[in-house]
Protein backbone atom coordinates (compact mmCIF):
# COMPACT_ATOMS: atom_id res chain seq x y z
CA MET A 1 -30.34 -18.48 122.96
CA SER A 2 -30.04 -14.81 124.23
CA ARG A 3 -32.52 -15.75 127.51
CA TYR A 4 -30.39 -19.00 128.38
CA HIS A 5 -27.87 -16.36 128.80
CA SER A 6 -29.51 -13.70 130.64
CA ARG A 7 -31.22 -16.01 132.84
CA ARG A 8 -27.41 -17.05 133.90
CA ASP A 9 -26.18 -13.34 134.42
CA GLY A 10 -28.66 -13.22 137.37
CA ASN A 11 -32.30 -13.21 138.42
CA GLU A 12 -31.96 -8.71 138.86
CA LEU A 13 -31.64 -8.24 135.19
CA PRO A 14 -34.92 -8.92 134.00
CA ALA A 15 -36.64 -6.83 136.48
CA PHE A 16 -34.53 -4.02 136.12
CA HIS A 17 -35.12 -4.61 131.80
CA ILE A 18 -38.93 -4.88 133.20
CA VAL A 19 -38.52 -0.97 135.41
CA ARG A 20 -36.35 0.41 132.31
CA CYS A 21 -39.28 -0.48 129.57
CA ALA A 22 -42.04 0.26 131.83
CA TRP A 23 -40.31 3.89 132.39
CA LEU A 24 -39.86 3.90 128.32
CA GLU A 25 -44.00 3.58 128.60
CA LEU A 26 -44.10 5.84 130.85
CA GLU A 27 -42.28 8.62 129.05
CA ILE A 28 -43.89 7.52 125.44
CA CYS A 29 -47.42 8.33 127.07
CA LEU A 30 -46.09 11.87 128.52
CA ILE A 31 -44.36 13.22 125.27
CA SER A 32 -47.98 12.18 123.39
CA VAL A 33 -50.45 13.72 126.22
CA GLU A 34 -47.81 17.17 125.97
C-alpha cells in the first residue's frame, strides 16, 4: 500500500531512497574495512 502512496508523492522519492541506501551500504563497507 505504501508503494502506491510514495508513487503518488513523486518520482524523486524512489531515487533519493536508492541513493540513501547506497550511501549507507558504502559507509558500512568502509567501517567494516577499517
